[in-house]
Every structure is written in C-alpha cells, then in structure tokens.
Amino acid sequence: MLLALLLAGGCGRPATIADCEEIVARIAELELRGAKTADPSLIAKEVADTKVAFQAKAKKECVGKRITQSALDCVRHAKTAEEIVRECLN
C-alpha cells in the first residue's frame, strides 16, 4: 500500500485552476519581459489581461491534466517562456 502511494505521488495530480493560471501568468510575464519595450509598470496589467483572456481555454485544455510539483517548480524558475513549454510541460 505504501509503495502504491509513493508511486502515485510521482505521477502528479490533476492541475487546478490556480495551477493553470500560474502557468499562463508566468509565460506571459516572461514573454513581456523579453520584449525590448517592456515597461515594468505595464507588465502586471498585461499579465492580468492575459490570464483573463486565456481563462476559458486554460479551463478546457489545462485544468484536470496531470501535473507534478517538479513541473510547477520548473515553471516558477524558468528563464524563458520557451523553456516552460519545451522543458517544464513536456
């Protein structure tokens, strides 16, 4: 029984709305920071707007999909949006 619990923990858990919003926000933030004209005062507003715009899509394509804590940690520490897509979510 304990072995089954340990193995199940390594497989991840269903992603929550909060998980999906965090991923979308992080990708948006990294994309905006990479833009040469990125104004730090506008980044927070753009990230919030992006979260709202992708909320329905995120619920459909993200919520409930399997995600691990290590994938979320990778998203939080990624340096680029491409890194998130290429390394964290694959």
N, C-alpha and C. Protein backbone atom coordinates (compact mmCIF):
# COMPACT_ATOMS: atom_id res chain seq x y z
N MET A 1 0.83 -1.19 0.00
CA MET A 1 0.00 0.00 0.00
C MET A 1 0.87 1.25 0.00
N LEU A 2 1.89 1.31 0.84
CA LEU A 2 2.78 2.47 0.90
C LEU A 2 3.49 2.67 -0.42
N LEU A 3 3.93 1.58 -1.05
CA LEU A 3 4.60 1.68 -2.35
C LEU A 3 3.66 2.29 -3.39
N ALA A 4 2.41 1.90 -3.39
CA ALA A 4 1.44 2.45 -4.34
C ALA A 4 1.26 3.94 -4.10
N LEU A 5 1.23 4.39 -2.85
CA LEU A 5 1.10 5.80 -2.55
C LEU A 5 2.32 6.59 -3.01
N LEU A 6 3.50 6.03 -2.81
CA LEU A 6 4.72 6.71 -3.25
C LEU A 6 4.77 6.82 -4.77
N LEU A 7 4.38 5.74 -5.46
CA LEU A 7 4.38 5.77 -6.92
C LEU A 7 3.34 6.74 -7.45
N ALA A 8 2.21 6.81 -6.82
CA ALA A 8 1.16 7.72 -7.25
C ALA A 8 1.61 9.17 -7.08
N GLY A 9 2.38 9.45 -6.04
CA GLY A 9 2.88 10.80 -5.83
C GLY A 9 3.82 11.26 -6.92
N GLY A 10 4.55 10.34 -7.53
CA GLY A 10 5.46 10.68 -8.60
C GLY A 10 4.76 10.94 -9.93
N CYS A 11 3.52 10.51 -10.04
CA CYS A 11 2.78 10.66 -11.29
C CYS A 11 2.08 12.01 -11.38
N GLY A 12 2.09 12.75 -10.32
CA GLY A 12 1.46 14.05 -10.34
C GLY A 12 0.04 14.00 -9.83
N ARG A 13 -0.66 15.07 -10.11
CA ARG A 13 -2.05 15.23 -9.67
C ARG A 13 -2.76 16.06 -10.73
N PRO A 14 -4.08 16.10 -10.67
CA PRO A 14 -4.80 16.94 -11.64
C PRO A 14 -4.50 18.42 -11.39
N ALA A 15 -4.23 19.15 -12.46
CA ALA A 15 -3.95 20.58 -12.35
C ALA A 15 -5.22 21.33 -11.94
N THR A 16 -5.05 22.29 -11.07
CA THR A 16 -6.16 23.13 -10.62
C THR A 16 -6.23 24.39 -11.47
N ILE A 17 -7.30 25.13 -11.30
CA ILE A 17 -7.41 26.43 -11.98
C ILE A 17 -6.24 27.31 -11.58
N ALA A 18 -5.89 27.30 -10.29
CA ALA A 18 -4.78 28.13 -9.81
C ALA A 18 -3.47 27.73 -10.47
N ASP A 19 -3.23 26.42 -10.64
CA ASP A 19 -2.02 25.95 -11.32
C ASP A 19 -1.97 26.48 -12.74
N CYS A 20 -3.07 26.35 -13.45
CA CYS A 20 -3.13 26.77 -14.85
C CYS A 20 -2.97 28.28 -14.98
N GLU A 21 -3.59 29.03 -14.08
CA GLU A 21 -3.44 30.48 -14.11
C GLU A 21 -1.99 30.88 -13.83
N GLU A 22 -1.35 30.17 -12.93
CA GLU A 22 0.06 30.46 -12.62
C GLU A 22 0.94 30.22 -13.84
N ILE A 23 0.69 29.13 -14.55
CA ILE A 23 1.47 28.81 -15.75
C ILE A 23 1.27 29.88 -16.82
N VAL A 24 0.03 30.23 -17.08
CA VAL A 24 -0.28 31.26 -18.10
C VAL A 24 0.36 32.59 -17.71
N ALA A 25 0.23 32.97 -16.44
CA ALA A 25 0.80 34.24 -15.98
C ALA A 25 2.31 34.25 -16.12
N ARG A 26 2.95 33.14 -15.79
CA ARG A 26 4.41 33.08 -15.87
C ARG A 26 4.88 33.18 -17.33
N ILE A 27 4.20 32.48 -18.22
CA ILE A 27 4.56 32.57 -19.64
C ILE A 27 4.39 34.00 -20.13
N ALA A 28 3.26 34.62 -19.79
CA ALA A 28 3.01 35.99 -20.22
C ALA A 28 4.07 36.94 -19.66
N GLU A 29 4.39 36.78 -18.40
CA GLU A 29 5.40 37.64 -17.77
C GLU A 29 6.75 37.51 -18.47
N LEU A 30 7.17 36.28 -18.74
CA LEU A 30 8.46 36.07 -19.39
C LEU A 30 8.47 36.63 -20.81
N GLU A 31 7.37 36.45 -21.52
CA GLU A 31 7.27 37.00 -22.89
C GLU A 31 7.37 38.53 -22.85
N LEU A 32 6.65 39.15 -21.93
CA LEU A 32 6.65 40.61 -21.84
C LEU A 32 8.01 41.15 -21.39
N ARG A 33 8.63 40.48 -20.47
CA ARG A 33 9.95 40.94 -20.00
C ARG A 33 10.99 40.81 -21.11
N GLY A 34 10.79 39.87 -22.02
CA GLY A 34 11.71 39.68 -23.13
C GLY A 34 11.57 40.74 -24.21
N ALA A 35 10.46 41.45 -24.22
CA ALA A 35 10.26 42.50 -25.22
C ALA A 35 11.14 43.69 -24.89
N LYS A 36 11.77 44.25 -25.90
CA LYS A 36 12.69 45.37 -25.68
C LYS A 36 11.99 46.61 -25.13
N THR A 37 10.72 46.77 -25.43
CA THR A 37 9.99 47.95 -24.98
C THR A 37 9.14 47.67 -23.74
N ALA A 38 9.42 46.58 -23.07
CA ALA A 38 8.62 46.20 -21.90
C ALA A 38 8.77 47.24 -20.79
N ASP A 39 7.67 47.84 -20.44
CA ASP A 39 7.62 48.82 -19.35
C ASP A 39 7.20 48.05 -18.09
N PRO A 40 8.06 48.01 -17.09
CA PRO A 40 7.74 47.23 -15.88
C PRO A 40 6.39 47.57 -15.27
N SER A 41 5.95 48.81 -15.39
CA SER A 41 4.67 49.19 -14.81
C SER A 41 3.49 48.59 -15.58
N LEU A 42 3.72 48.23 -16.84
CA LEU A 42 2.65 47.65 -17.64
C LEU A 42 2.62 46.13 -17.60
N ILE A 43 3.70 45.52 -17.16
CA ILE A 43 3.79 44.06 -17.17
C ILE A 43 2.70 43.42 -16.32
N ALA A 44 2.48 43.91 -15.11
CA ALA A 44 1.46 43.34 -14.23
C ALA A 44 0.07 43.42 -14.86
N LYS A 45 -0.24 44.55 -15.48
CA LYS A 45 -1.54 44.71 -16.14
C LYS A 45 -1.67 43.75 -17.31
N GLU A 46 -0.64 43.64 -18.11
CA GLU A 46 -0.67 42.73 -19.26
C GLU A 46 -0.81 41.27 -18.82
N VAL A 47 -0.12 40.90 -17.76
CA VAL A 47 -0.22 39.54 -17.23
C VAL A 47 -1.66 39.27 -16.78
N ALA A 48 -2.26 40.21 -16.06
CA ALA A 48 -3.65 40.05 -15.61
C ALA A 48 -4.59 39.95 -16.80
N ASP A 49 -4.40 40.79 -17.82
CA ASP A 49 -5.24 40.72 -19.02
C ASP A 49 -5.09 39.38 -19.73
N THR A 50 -3.87 38.87 -19.78
CA THR A 50 -3.62 37.58 -20.44
C THR A 50 -4.31 36.45 -19.69
N LYS A 51 -4.25 36.48 -18.36
CA LYS A 51 -4.91 35.45 -17.57
C LYS A 51 -6.41 35.44 -17.85
N VAL A 52 -7.01 36.61 -17.93
CA VAL A 52 -8.45 36.70 -18.21
C VAL A 52 -8.74 36.16 -19.60
N ALA A 53 -7.93 36.55 -20.58
CA ALA A 53 -8.15 36.14 -21.96
C ALA A 53 -8.04 34.63 -22.15
N PHE A 54 -7.14 33.99 -21.40
CA PHE A 54 -6.92 32.57 -21.57
C PHE A 54 -7.67 31.71 -20.55
N GLN A 55 -8.49 32.33 -19.72
CA GLN A 55 -9.16 31.58 -18.65
C GLN A 55 -10.02 30.45 -19.20
N ALA A 56 -10.85 30.71 -20.18
CA ALA A 56 -11.72 29.66 -20.72
C ALA A 56 -10.89 28.57 -21.39
N LYS A 57 -9.89 28.97 -22.15
CA LYS A 57 -9.03 27.99 -22.83
C LYS A 57 -8.26 27.16 -21.81
N ALA A 58 -7.75 27.82 -20.76
CA ALA A 58 -7.00 27.11 -19.73
C ALA A 58 -7.87 26.08 -19.03
N LYS A 59 -9.11 26.46 -18.75
CA LYS A 59 -10.02 25.51 -18.10
C LYS A 59 -10.24 24.28 -18.99
N LYS A 60 -10.37 24.51 -20.27
CA LYS A 60 -10.64 23.42 -21.19
C LYS A 60 -9.40 22.55 -21.44
N GLU A 61 -8.24 23.18 -21.60
CA GLU A 61 -7.04 22.46 -22.01
C GLU A 61 -6.05 22.15 -20.90
N CYS A 62 -6.24 22.74 -19.73
CA CYS A 62 -5.25 22.57 -18.67
C CYS A 62 -5.84 21.94 -17.41
N VAL A 63 -6.92 22.49 -16.91
CA VAL A 63 -7.48 22.00 -15.65
C VAL A 63 -7.80 20.52 -15.75
N GLY A 64 -7.31 19.78 -14.77
CA GLY A 64 -7.56 18.34 -14.72
C GLY A 64 -6.47 17.50 -15.36
N LYS A 65 -5.60 18.12 -16.15
CA LYS A 65 -4.48 17.38 -16.74
C LYS A 65 -3.48 17.09 -15.64
N ARG A 66 -2.71 16.01 -15.80
CA ARG A 66 -1.74 15.63 -14.79
C ARG A 66 -0.58 16.62 -14.76
N ILE A 67 -0.19 17.03 -13.56
CA ILE A 67 0.95 17.92 -13.38
C ILE A 67 1.69 17.50 -12.12
N THR A 68 2.99 17.61 -12.16
CA THR A 68 3.80 17.25 -11.00
C THR A 68 4.30 18.52 -10.31
N GLN A 69 4.68 18.37 -9.09
CA GLN A 69 5.26 19.50 -8.35
C GLN A 69 6.54 19.95 -9.02
N SER A 70 7.32 19.01 -9.55
CA SER A 70 8.57 19.40 -10.21
C SER A 70 8.30 20.22 -11.47
N ALA A 71 7.20 19.94 -12.18
CA ALA A 71 6.85 20.74 -13.35
C ALA A 71 6.48 22.17 -12.93
N LEU A 72 5.73 22.30 -11.85
CA LEU A 72 5.37 23.63 -11.35
C LEU A 72 6.61 24.39 -10.87
N ASP A 73 7.51 23.69 -10.21
CA ASP A 73 8.75 24.33 -9.77
C ASP A 73 9.57 24.79 -10.97
N CYS A 74 9.59 23.99 -12.01
CA CYS A 74 10.29 24.34 -13.24
C CYS A 74 9.68 25.61 -13.84
N VAL A 75 8.36 25.69 -13.88
CA VAL A 75 7.67 26.88 -14.41
C VAL A 75 8.08 28.11 -13.60
N ARG A 76 8.12 27.97 -12.29
CA ARG A 76 8.45 29.11 -11.42
C ARG A 76 9.87 29.60 -11.60
N HIS A 77 10.78 28.71 -12.00
CA HIS A 77 12.19 29.09 -12.11
C HIS A 77 12.67 29.25 -13.55
N ALA A 78 11.80 29.04 -14.50
CA ALA A 78 12.20 29.15 -15.91
C ALA A 78 12.63 30.58 -16.24
N LYS A 79 13.57 30.67 -17.16
CA LYS A 79 14.08 31.98 -17.58
C LYS A 79 13.38 32.49 -18.83
N THR A 80 12.75 31.58 -19.60
CA THR A 80 12.05 31.99 -20.82
C THR A 80 10.74 31.21 -20.94
N ALA A 81 9.83 31.76 -21.72
CA ALA A 81 8.57 31.07 -21.98
C ALA A 81 8.83 29.78 -22.76
N GLU A 82 9.80 29.84 -23.66
CA GLU A 82 10.14 28.64 -24.44
C GLU A 82 10.61 27.51 -23.54
N GLU A 83 11.37 27.85 -22.52
CA GLU A 83 11.85 26.85 -21.56
C GLU A 83 10.66 26.16 -20.87
N ILE A 84 9.64 26.94 -20.52
CA ILE A 84 8.46 26.37 -19.88
C ILE A 84 7.81 25.34 -20.79
N VAL A 85 7.59 25.73 -22.03
CA VAL A 85 6.92 24.84 -22.97
C VAL A 85 7.78 23.62 -23.30
N ARG A 86 9.05 23.87 -23.56
CA ARG A 86 9.96 22.81 -24.02
C ARG A 86 10.37 21.85 -22.89
N GLU A 87 10.65 22.40 -21.70
CA GLU A 87 11.21 21.56 -20.64
C GLU A 87 10.25 21.26 -19.50
N CYS A 88 9.50 22.23 -19.07
CA CYS A 88 8.67 22.06 -17.89
C CYS A 88 7.40 21.26 -18.15
N LEU A 89 6.78 21.49 -19.29
CA LEU A 89 5.46 20.91 -19.55
C LEU A 89 5.51 19.71 -20.47
N ASN A 90 6.67 19.23 -20.80
CA ASN A 90 6.79 18.03 -21.65
C ASN A 90 7.26 16.85 -20.87
